[in-house]
Amino acid sequence: NVVRKTGKSAEEARAAILGQLAMMEPDQAIKMTAALPENERKDVSQRVGTMLMMSDPERGAAYMLENAEPDKKGQVYQQVVAQWAGSDPNKAGAWLGAQ
């Protein structure tokens, strides 16, 4: 069978679907992500947060930081600023300065 039946491919599919949903229905995507088992939530949350950054950078940044592991927060700040600065460097800088 060409399609892998592993848990990892199912997680990747959920992340892709919920990431796309985050662009159209962010509240629903966040709700559905929160309902996932904890071991699946991390990767999906990252994808949802990244997609939220495209439509609502402040909300996406807050969501990503809220769902980041404590030892990964520095990396998340870098990711948020790098992504946001591409579309609005002034707001990205102001947001970072307010943190």
PDB file of N, CA and C in Angstrom:
ATOM      1  N   ASN A   1       0.848  -1.189   0.000  1.00  0.00           N
ATOM      2  CA  ASN A   1       0.000   0.000   0.000  1.00  0.00           C
ATOM      3  C   ASN A   1       0.887   1.243   0.000  1.00  0.00           C
ATOM      4  N   VAL A   2       0.606   2.172  -0.869  1.00  0.00           N
ATOM      5  CA  VAL A   2       1.415   3.382  -1.000  1.00  0.00           C
ATOM      6  C   VAL A   2       1.183   4.336   0.165  1.00  0.00           C
ATOM      7  N   VAL A   3      -0.032   4.393   0.671  1.00  0.00           N
ATOM      8  CA  VAL A   3      -0.360   5.296   1.771  1.00  0.00           C
ATOM      9  C   VAL A   3       0.077   4.664   3.083  1.00  0.00           C
ATOM     10  N   ARG A   4       0.893   5.394   3.817  1.00  0.00           N
ATOM     11  CA  ARG A   4       1.327   4.880   5.114  1.00  0.00           C
ATOM     12  C   ARG A   4       0.175   4.935   6.097  1.00  0.00           C
ATOM     13  N   LYS A   5       0.070   3.918   6.904  1.00  0.00           N
ATOM     14  CA  LYS A   5      -1.019   3.833   7.875  1.00  0.00           C
ATOM     15  C   LYS A   5      -0.511   4.153   9.283  1.00  0.00           C
ATOM     16  N   THR A   6       0.605   4.822   9.374  1.00  0.00           N
ATOM     17  CA  THR A   6       1.181   5.106  10.686  1.00  0.00           C
ATOM     18  C   THR A   6       0.497   6.285  11.340  1.00  0.00           C
ATOM     19  N   GLY A   7       0.698   6.406  12.629  1.00  0.00           N
ATOM     20  CA  GLY A   7       0.154   7.534  13.367  1.00  0.00           C
ATOM     21  C   GLY A   7       0.755   8.854  12.911  1.00  0.00           C
ATOM     22  N   LYS A   8       2.010   8.829  12.488  1.00  0.00           N
ATOM     23  CA  LYS A   8       2.686  10.059  12.074  1.00  0.00           C
ATOM     24  C   LYS A   8       2.015  10.666  10.852  1.00  0.00           C
ATOM     25  N   SER A   9       1.636   9.841   9.875  1.00  0.00           N
ATOM     26  CA  SER A   9       0.993  10.406   8.689  1.00  0.00           C
ATOM     27  C   SER A   9      -0.383  10.970   9.040  1.00  0.00           C
ATOM     28  N   ALA A  10      -1.076  10.341   9.975  1.00  0.00           N
ATOM     29  CA  ALA A  10      -2.378  10.864  10.412  1.00  0.00           C
ATOM     30  C   ALA A  10      -2.186  12.206  11.112  1.00  0.00           C
ATOM     31  N   GLU A  11      -1.148  12.316  11.928  1.00  0.00           N
ATOM     32  CA  GLU A  11      -0.866  13.587  12.605  1.00  0.00           C
ATOM     33  C   GLU A  11      -0.533  14.672  11.592  1.00  0.00           C
ATOM     34  N   GLU A  12       0.250  14.335  10.586  1.00  0.00           N
ATOM     35  CA  GLU A  12       0.617  15.308   9.557  1.00  0.00           C
ATOM     36  C   GLU A  12      -0.625  15.779   8.801  1.00  0.00           C
ATOM     37  N   ALA A  13      -1.527  14.857   8.524  1.00  0.00           N
ATOM     38  CA  ALA A  13      -2.761  15.219   7.823  1.00  0.00           C
ATOM     39  C   ALA A  13      -3.614  16.141   8.687  1.00  0.00           C
ATOM     40  N   ARG A  14      -3.741  15.814   9.976  1.00  0.00           N
ATOM     41  CA  ARG A  14      -4.507  16.683  10.879  1.00  0.00           C
ATOM     42  C   ARG A  14      -3.887  18.068  10.959  1.00  0.00           C
ATOM     43  N   ALA A  15      -2.564  18.117  11.042  1.00  0.00           N
ATOM     44  CA  ALA A  15      -1.880  19.413  11.114  1.00  0.00           C
ATOM     45  C   ALA A  15      -2.159  20.233   9.858  1.00  0.00           C
ATOM     46  N   ALA A  16      -2.113  19.593   8.701  1.00  0.00           N
ATOM     47  CA  ALA A  16      -2.362  20.310   7.448  1.00  0.00           C
ATOM     48  C   ALA A  16      -3.805  20.812   7.375  1.00  0.00           C
ATOM     49  N   ILE A  17      -4.741  19.962   7.739  1.00  0.00           N
ATOM     50  CA  ILE A  17      -6.152  20.342   7.675  1.00  0.00           C
ATOM     51  C   ILE A  17      -6.461  21.458   8.665  1.00  0.00           C
ATOM     52  N   LEU A  18      -6.011  21.300   9.898  1.00  0.00           N
ATOM     53  CA  LEU A  18      -6.305  22.329  10.896  1.00  0.00           C
ATOM     54  C   LEU A  18      -5.548  23.622  10.613  1.00  0.00           C
ATOM     55  N   GLY A  19      -4.383  23.512  10.005  1.00  0.00           N
ATOM     56  CA  GLY A  19      -3.659  24.707   9.600  1.00  0.00           C
ATOM     57  C   GLY A  19      -4.442  25.502   8.571  1.00  0.00           C
ATOM     58  N   GLN A  20      -5.006  24.810   7.601  1.00  0.00           N
ATOM     59  CA  GLN A  20      -5.820  25.490   6.593  1.00  0.00           C
ATOM     60  C   GLN A  20      -7.098  26.058   7.211  1.00  0.00           C
ATOM     61  N   LEU A  21      -7.699  25.308   8.117  1.00  0.00           N
ATOM     62  CA  LEU A  21      -8.902  25.781   8.785  1.00  0.00           C
ATOM     63  C   LEU A  21      -8.615  27.050   9.592  1.00  0.00           C
ATOM     64  N   ALA A  22      -7.412  27.146  10.135  1.00  0.00           N
ATOM     65  CA  ALA A  22      -7.034  28.323  10.928  1.00  0.00           C
ATOM     66  C   ALA A  22      -7.101  29.605  10.108  1.00  0.00           C
ATOM     67  N   MET A  23      -6.897  29.492   8.809  1.00  0.00           N
ATOM     68  CA  MET A  23      -6.969  30.671   7.947  1.00  0.00           C
ATOM     69  C   MET A  23      -8.412  31.143   7.756  1.00  0.00           C
ATOM     70  N   MET A  24      -9.359  30.196   7.769  1.00  0.00           N
ATOM     71  CA  MET A  24     -10.756  30.529   7.476  1.00  0.00           C
ATOM     72  C   MET A  24     -11.612  30.625   8.739  1.00  0.00           C
ATOM     73  N   GLU A  25     -11.389  29.727   9.669  1.00  0.00           N
ATOM     74  CA  GLU A  25     -12.178  29.643  10.900  1.00  0.00           C
ATOM     75  C   GLU A  25     -11.235  29.440  12.078  1.00  0.00           C
ATOM     76  N   PRO A  26     -10.515  30.487  12.474  1.00  0.00           N
ATOM     77  CA  PRO A  26      -9.492  30.305  13.512  1.00  0.00           C
ATOM     78  C   PRO A  26     -10.035  29.770  14.838  1.00  0.00           C
ATOM     79  N   ASP A  27     -11.189  30.246  15.262  1.00  0.00           N
ATOM     80  CA  ASP A  27     -11.730  29.761  16.537  1.00  0.00           C
ATOM     81  C   ASP A  27     -11.988  28.262  16.495  1.00  0.00           C
ATOM     82  N   GLN A  28     -12.517  27.788  15.383  1.00  0.00           N
ATOM     83  CA  GLN A  28     -12.801  26.362  15.231  1.00  0.00           C
ATOM     84  C   GLN A  28     -11.507  25.557  15.204  1.00  0.00           C
ATOM     85  N   ALA A  29     -10.499  26.046  14.508  1.00  0.00           N
ATOM     86  CA  ALA A  29      -9.215  25.346  14.445  1.00  0.00           C
ATOM     87  C   ALA A  29      -8.580  25.260  15.825  1.00  0.00           C
ATOM     88  N   ILE A  30      -8.647  26.336  16.585  1.00  0.00           N
ATOM     89  CA  ILE A  30      -8.076  26.343  17.934  1.00  0.00           C
ATOM     90  C   ILE A  30      -8.833  25.363  18.827  1.00  0.00           C
ATOM     91  N   LYS A  31     -10.137  25.372  18.728  1.00  0.00           N
ATOM     92  CA  LYS A  31     -10.964  24.472  19.531  1.00  0.00           C
ATOM     93  C   LYS A  31     -10.659  23.011  19.199  1.00  0.00           C
ATOM     94  N   MET A  32     -10.571  22.703  17.915  1.00  0.00           N
ATOM     95  CA  MET A  32     -10.300  21.328  17.498  1.00  0.00           C
ATOM     96  C   MET A  32      -8.892  20.888  17.892  1.00  0.00           C
ATOM     97  N   THR A  33      -7.937  21.798  17.816  1.00  0.00           N
ATOM     98  CA  THR A  33      -6.564  21.480  18.221  1.00  0.00           C
ATOM     99  C   THR A  33      -6.507  21.196  19.713  1.00  0.00           C
ATOM    100  N   ALA A  34      -7.201  21.987  20.501  1.00  0.00           N
ATOM    101  CA  ALA A  34      -7.210  21.793  21.957  1.00  0.00           C
ATOM    102  C   ALA A  34      -7.815  20.447  22.337  1.00  0.00           C
ATOM    103  N   ALA A  35      -8.688  19.913  21.496  1.00  0.00           N
ATOM    104  CA  ALA A  35      -9.341  18.639  21.791  1.00  0.00           C
ATOM    105  C   ALA A  35      -8.476  17.428  21.438  1.00  0.00           C
ATOM    106  N   LEU A  36      -7.363  17.638  20.750  1.00  0.00           N
ATOM    107  CA  LEU A  36      -6.484  16.531  20.381  1.00  0.00           C
ATOM    108  C   LEU A  36      -5.766  15.979  21.605  1.00  0.00           C
ATOM    109  N   PRO A  37      -5.363  14.714  21.543  1.00  0.00           N
ATOM    110  CA  PRO A  37      -4.539  14.173  22.630  1.00  0.00           C
ATOM    111  C   PRO A  37      -3.255  14.993  22.761  1.00  0.00           C
ATOM    112  N   GLU A  38      -2.768  15.112  23.964  1.00  0.00           N
ATOM    113  CA  GLU A  38      -1.604  15.967  24.232  1.00  0.00           C
ATOM    114  C   GLU A  38      -0.403  15.613  23.363  1.00  0.00           C
ATOM    115  N   ASN A  39      -0.184  14.332  23.113  1.00  0.00           N
ATOM    116  CA  ASN A  39       0.989  13.931  22.325  1.00  0.00           C
ATOM    117  C   ASN A  39       0.888  14.339  20.856  1.00  0.00           C
ATOM    118  N   GLU A  40      -0.291  14.697  20.378  1.00  0.00           N
ATOM    119  CA  GLU A  40      -0.468  15.141  18.991  1.00  0.00           C
ATOM    120  C   GLU A  40      -0.587  16.652  18.886  1.00  0.00           C
ATOM    121  N   ARG A  41      -0.856  17.297  19.979  1.00  0.00           N
ATOM    122  CA  ARG A  41      -1.195  18.717  19.968  1.00  0.00           C
ATOM    123  C   ARG A  41      -0.023  19.617  19.599  1.00  0.00           C
ATOM    124  N   LYS A  42       1.196  19.263  19.975  1.00  0.00           N
ATOM    125  CA  LYS A  42       2.347  20.158  19.786  1.00  0.00           C
ATOM    126  C   LYS A  42       2.551  20.526  18.316  1.00  0.00           C
ATOM    127  N   ASP A  43       2.680  19.529  17.458  1.00  0.00           N
ATOM    128  CA  ASP A  43       2.939  19.805  16.041  1.00  0.00           C
ATOM    129  C   ASP A  43       1.758  20.506  15.379  1.00  0.00           C
ATOM    130  N   VAL A  44       0.558  20.085  15.741  1.00  0.00           N
ATOM    131  CA  VAL A  44      -0.631  20.702  15.153  1.00  0.00           C
ATOM    132  C   VAL A  44      -0.740  22.155  15.610  1.00  0.00           C
ATOM    133  N   SER A  45      -0.474  22.408  16.887  1.00  0.00           N
ATOM    134  CA  SER A  45      -0.528  23.787  17.410  1.00  0.00           C
ATOM    135  C   SER A  45       0.459  24.688  16.681  1.00  0.00           C
ATOM    136  N   GLN A  46       1.632  24.154  16.403  1.00  0.00           N
ATOM    137  CA  GLN A  46       2.634  24.953  15.690  1.00  0.00           C
ATOM    138  C   GLN A  46       2.122  25.315  14.295  1.00  0.00           C
ATOM    139  N   ARG A  47       1.528  24.359  13.603  1.00  0.00           N
ATOM    140  CA  ARG A  47       1.012  24.619  12.250  1.00  0.00           C
ATOM    141  C   ARG A  47      -0.138  25.617  12.301  1.00  0.00           C
ATOM    142  N   VAL A  48      -1.052  25.431  13.258  1.00  0.00           N
ATOM    143  CA  VAL A  48      -2.188  26.350  13.396  1.00  0.00           C
ATOM    144  C   VAL A  48      -1.671  27.754  13.703  1.00  0.00           C
ATOM    145  N   GLY A  49      -0.715  27.867  14.602  1.00  0.00           N
ATOM    146  CA  GLY A  49      -0.152  29.176  14.935  1.00  0.00           C
ATOM    147  C   GLY A  49       0.513  29.846  13.748  1.00  0.00           C
ATOM    148  N   THR A  50       1.252  29.080  12.971  1.00  0.00           N
ATOM    149  CA  THR A  50       1.909  29.622  11.787  1.00  0.00           C
ATOM    150  C   THR A  50       0.879  30.155  10.798  1.00  0.00           C
ATOM    151  N   MET A  51      -0.196  29.421  10.609  1.00  0.00           N
ATOM    152  CA  MET A  51      -1.242  29.865   9.689  1.00  0.00           C
ATOM    153  C   MET A  51      -1.996  31.075  10.246  1.00  0.00           C
ATOM    154  N   LEU A  52      -2.218  31.101  11.551  1.00  0.00           N
ATOM    155  CA  LEU A  52      -2.855  32.270  12.164  1.00  0.00           C
ATOM    156  C   LEU A  52      -2.010  33.523  11.962  1.00  0.00           C
ATOM    157  N   MET A  53      -0.695  33.355  11.977  1.00  0.00           N
ATOM    158  CA  MET A  53       0.198  34.499  11.770  1.00  0.00           C
ATOM    159  C   MET A  53      -0.060  35.170  10.427  1.00  0.00           C
ATOM    160  N   MET A  54      -0.500  34.416   9.451  1.00  0.00           N
ATOM    161  CA  MET A  54      -0.747  34.980   8.122  1.00  0.00           C
ATOM    162  C   MET A  54      -1.990  35.858   8.091  1.00  0.00           C
ATOM    163  N   SER A  55      -2.997  35.495   8.863  1.00  0.00           N
ATOM    164  CA  SER A  55      -4.249  36.256   8.827  1.00  0.00           C
ATOM    165  C   SER A  55      -4.385  37.234   9.986  1.00  0.00           C
ATOM    166  N   ASP A  56      -3.808  36.898  11.140  1.00  0.00           N
ATOM    167  CA  ASP A  56      -3.915  37.742  12.336  1.00  0.00           C
ATOM    168  C   ASP A  56      -2.624  37.571  13.141  1.00  0.00           C
ATOM    169  N   PRO A  57      -1.579  38.317  12.763  1.00  0.00           N
ATOM    170  CA  PRO A  57      -0.264  38.107  13.380  1.00  0.00           C
ATOM    171  C   PRO A  57      -0.250  38.185  14.908  1.00  0.00           C
ATOM    172  N   GLU A  58      -0.968  39.141  15.475  1.00  0.00           N
ATOM    173  CA  GLU A  58      -0.954  39.257  16.939  1.00  0.00           C
ATOM    174  C   GLU A  58      -1.564  38.026  17.594  1.00  0.00           C
ATOM    175  N   ARG A  59      -2.678  37.590  17.069  1.00  0.00           N
ATOM    176  CA  ARG A  59      -3.328  36.398  17.627  1.00  0.00           C
ATOM    177  C   ARG A  59      -2.466  35.156  17.394  1.00  0.00           C
ATOM    178  N   GLY A  60      -1.899  35.047  16.214  1.00  0.00           N
ATOM    179  CA  GLY A  60      -1.031  33.911  15.925  1.00  0.00           C
ATOM    180  C   GLY A  60       0.179  33.876  16.841  1.00  0.00           C
ATOM    181  N   ALA A  61       0.780  35.037  17.074  1.00  0.00           N
ATOM    182  CA  ALA A  61       1.940  35.109  17.959  1.00  0.00           C
ATOM    183  C   ALA A  61       1.560  34.685  19.376  1.00  0.00           C
ATOM    184  N   ALA A  62       0.453  35.201  19.867  1.00  0.00           N
ATOM    185  CA  ALA A  62       0.000  34.849  21.215  1.00  0.00           C
ATOM    186  C   ALA A  62      -0.282  33.354  21.314  1.00  0.00           C
ATOM    187  N   TYR A  63      -0.926  32.808  20.308  1.00  0.00           N
ATOM    188  CA  TYR A  63      -1.251  31.376  20.300  1.00  0.00           C
ATOM    189  C   TYR A  63       0.021  30.536  20.285  1.00  0.00           C
ATOM    190  N   MET A  64       0.971  30.914  19.452  1.00  0.00           N
ATOM    191  CA  MET A  64       2.214  30.151  19.368  1.00  0.00           C
ATOM    192  C   MET A  64       2.975  30.176  20.685  1.00  0.00           C
ATOM    193  N   LEU A  65       3.036  31.340  21.318  1.00  0.00           N
ATOM    194  CA  LEU A  65       3.740  31.432  22.601  1.00  0.00           C
ATOM    195  C   LEU A  65       3.012  30.672  23.699  1.00  0.00           C
ATOM    196  N   GLU A  66       1.708  30.753  23.682  1.00  0.00           N
ATOM    197  CA  GLU A  66       0.897  30.045  24.678  1.00  0.00           C
ATOM    198  C   GLU A  66       1.106  28.535  24.593  1.00  0.00           C
ATOM    199  N   ASN A  67       1.322  28.035  23.395  1.00  0.00           N
ATOM    200  CA  ASN A  67       1.449  26.596  23.186  1.00  0.00           C
ATOM    201  C   ASN A  67       2.890  26.112  23.078  1.00  0.00           C
ATOM    202  N   ALA A  68       3.849  27.007  23.248  1.00  0.00           N
ATOM    203  CA  ALA A  68       5.260  26.634  23.158  1.00  0.00           C
ATOM    204  C   ALA A  68       5.725  25.965  24.446  1.00  0.00           C
ATOM    205  N   GLU A  69       6.602  25.014  24.278  1.00  0.00           N
ATOM    206  CA  GLU A  69       7.248  24.417  25.442  1.00  0.00           C
ATOM    207  C   GLU A  69       8.146  25.485  26.054  1.00  0.00           C
ATOM    208  N   PRO A  70       8.251  25.505  27.377  1.00  0.00           N
ATOM    209  CA  PRO A  70       9.032  26.571  28.030  1.00  0.00           C
ATOM    210  C   PRO A  70      10.451  26.727  27.484  1.00  0.00           C
ATOM    211  N   ASP A  71      11.124  25.635  27.194  1.00  0.00           N
ATOM    212  CA  ASP A  71      12.501  25.723  26.702  1.00  0.00           C
ATOM    213  C   ASP A  71      12.585  26.099  25.222  1.00  0.00           C
ATOM    214  N   LYS A  72      11.451  26.231  24.555  1.00  0.00           N
ATOM    215  CA  LYS A  72      11.422  26.586  23.136  1.00  0.00           C
ATOM    216  C   LYS A  72      10.901  28.002  22.882  1.00  0.00           C
ATOM    217  N   LYS A  73      10.579  28.737  23.942  1.00  0.00           N
ATOM    218  CA  LYS A  73       9.983  30.065  23.760  1.00  0.00           C
ATOM    219  C   LYS A  73      10.896  31.013  22.989  1.00  0.00           C
ATOM    220  N   GLY A  74      12.191  30.960  23.224  1.00  0.00           N
ATOM    221  CA  GLY A  74      13.123  31.810  22.483  1.00  0.00           C
ATOM    222  C   GLY A  74      13.050  31.556  20.987  1.00  0.00           C
ATOM    223  N   GLN A  75      12.980  30.283  20.606  1.00  0.00           N
ATOM    224  CA  GLN A  75      12.857  29.930  19.196  1.00  0.00           C
ATOM    225  C   GLN A  75      11.526  30.412  18.626  1.00  0.00           C
ATOM    226  N   VAL A  76      10.474  30.341  19.435  1.00  0.00           N
ATOM    227  CA  VAL A  76       9.163  30.785  18.970  1.00  0.00           C
ATOM    228  C   VAL A  76       9.171  32.298  18.752  1.00  0.00           C
ATOM    229  N   TYR A  77       9.793  33.052  19.654  1.00  0.00           N
ATOM    230  CA  TYR A  77       9.904  34.502  19.444  1.00  0.00           C
ATOM    231  C   TYR A  77      10.617  34.793  18.126  1.00  0.00           C
ATOM    232  N   GLN A  78      11.702  34.076  17.859  1.00  0.00           N
ATOM    233  CA  GLN A  78      12.437  34.278  16.609  1.00  0.00           C
ATOM    234  C   GLN A  78      11.565  33.959  15.404  1.00  0.00           C
ATOM    235  N   GLN A  79      10.829  32.848  15.476  1.00  0.00           N
ATOM    236  CA  GLN A  79       9.969  32.452  14.374  1.00  0.00           C
ATOM    237  C   GLN A  79       8.871  33.484  14.131  1.00  0.00           C
ATOM    238  N   VAL A  80       8.266  33.946  15.214  1.00  0.00           N
ATOM    239  CA  VAL A  80       7.184  34.934  15.099  1.00  0.00           C
ATOM    240  C   VAL A  80       7.701  36.209  14.447  1.00  0.00           C
ATOM    241  N   VAL A  81       8.797  36.728  14.951  1.00  0.00           N
ATOM    242  CA  VAL A  81       9.327  37.983  14.422  1.00  0.00           C
ATOM    243  C   VAL A  81       9.761  37.812  12.969  1.00  0.00           C
ATOM    244  N   ALA A  82      10.413  36.706  12.654  1.00  0.00           N
ATOM    245  CA  ALA A  82      10.854  36.483  11.272  1.00  0.00           C
ATOM    246  C   ALA A  82       9.660  36.427  10.324  1.00  0.00           C
ATOM    247  N   GLN A  83       8.628  35.731  10.720  1.00  0.00           N
ATOM    248  CA  GLN A  83       7.457  35.607   9.846  1.00  0.00           C
ATOM    249  C   GLN A  83       6.716  36.934   9.742  1.00  0.00           C
ATOM    250  N   TRP A  84       6.506  37.594  10.861  1.00  0.00           N
ATOM    251  CA  TRP A  84       5.738  38.835  10.878  1.00  0.00           C
ATOM    252  C   TRP A  84       6.495  39.960  10.176  1.00  0.00           C
ATOM    253  N   ALA A  85       7.796  40.007  10.379  1.00  0.00           N
ATOM    254  CA  ALA A  85       8.591  41.095   9.796  1.00  0.00           C
ATOM    255  C   ALA A  85       8.538  41.085   8.271  1.00  0.00           C
ATOM    256  N   GLY A  86       8.257  39.934   7.698  1.00  0.00           N
ATOM    257  CA  GLY A  86       8.139  39.863   6.248  1.00  0.00           C
ATOM    258  C   GLY A  86       6.974  40.673   5.706  1.00  0.00           C
ATOM    259  N   SER A  87       5.929  40.807   6.507  1.00  0.00           N
ATOM    260  CA  SER A  87       4.758  41.552   6.034  1.00  0.00           C
ATOM    261  C   SER A  87       4.628  42.929   6.680  1.00  0.00           C
ATOM    262  N   ASP A  88       5.098  43.072   7.919  1.00  0.00           N
ATOM    263  CA  ASP A  88       4.968  44.363   8.604  1.00  0.00           C
ATOM    264  C   ASP A  88       6.057  44.486   9.675  1.00  0.00           C
ATOM    265  N   PRO A  89       7.259  44.872   9.262  1.00  0.00           N
ATOM    266  CA  PRO A  89       8.374  44.914  10.216  1.00  0.00           C
ATOM    267  C   PRO A  89       8.157  45.887  11.379  1.00  0.00           C
ATOM    268  N   ASN A  90       7.460  47.000  11.133  1.00  0.00           N
ATOM    269  CA  ASN A  90       7.230  47.953  12.215  1.00  0.00           C
ATOM    270  C   ASN A  90       6.349  47.371  13.315  1.00  0.00           C
ATOM    271  N   LYS A  91       5.261  46.716  12.927  1.00  0.00           N
ATOM    272  CA  LYS A  91       4.380  46.093  13.925  1.00  0.00           C
ATOM    273  C   LYS A  91       5.069  44.930  14.613  1.00  0.00           C
ATOM    274  N   ALA A  92       5.869  44.173  13.873  1.00  0.00           N
ATOM    275  CA  ALA A  92       6.610  43.061  14.482  1.00  0.00           C
ATOM    276  C   ALA A  92       7.566  43.588  15.536  1.00  0.00           C
ATOM    277  N   GLY A  93       8.260  44.669  15.219  1.00  0.00           N
ATOM    278  CA  GLY A  93       9.187  45.270  16.174  1.00  0.00           C
ATOM    279  C   GLY A  93       8.479  45.828  17.385  1.00  0.00           C
ATOM    280  N   ALA A  94       7.355  46.471  17.164  1.00  0.00           N
ATOM    281  CA  ALA A  94       6.579  47.028  18.280  1.00  0.00           C
ATOM    282  C   ALA A  94       6.054  45.917  19.175  1.00  0.00           C
ATOM    283  N   TRP A  95       5.595  44.827  18.564  1.00  0.00           N
ATOM    284  CA  TRP A  95       5.101  43.700  19.340  1.00  0.00           C
ATOM    285  C   TRP A  95       6.234  43.109  20.186  1.00  0.00           C
ATOM    286  N   LEU A  96       7.383  42.917  19.571  1.00  0.00           N
ATOM    287  CA  LEU A  96       8.513  42.346  20.300  1.00  0.00           C
ATOM    288  C   LEU A  96       8.936  43.258  21.447  1.00  0.00           C
ATOM    289  N   GLY A  97       8.943  44.569  21.186  1.00  0.00           N
ATOM    290  CA  GLY A  97       9.317  45.510  22.238  1.00  0.00           C
ATOM    291  C   GLY A  97       8.353  45.523  23.405  1.00  0.00           C
ATOM    292  N   ALA A  98       7.120  45.150  23.168  1.00  0.00           N
ATOM    293  CA  ALA A  98       6.095  45.133  24.224  1.00  0.00           C
ATOM    294  C   ALA A  98       6.124  43.839  25.040  1.00  0.00           C
ATOM    295  N   GLN A  99       6.916  42.876  24.609  1.00  0.00           N
ATOM    296  CA  GLN A  99       6.941  41.578  25.306  1.00  0.00           C
ATOM    297  C   GLN A  99       7.759  41.605  26.566  1.00  0.00           C
TER     298      GLN A  99
END
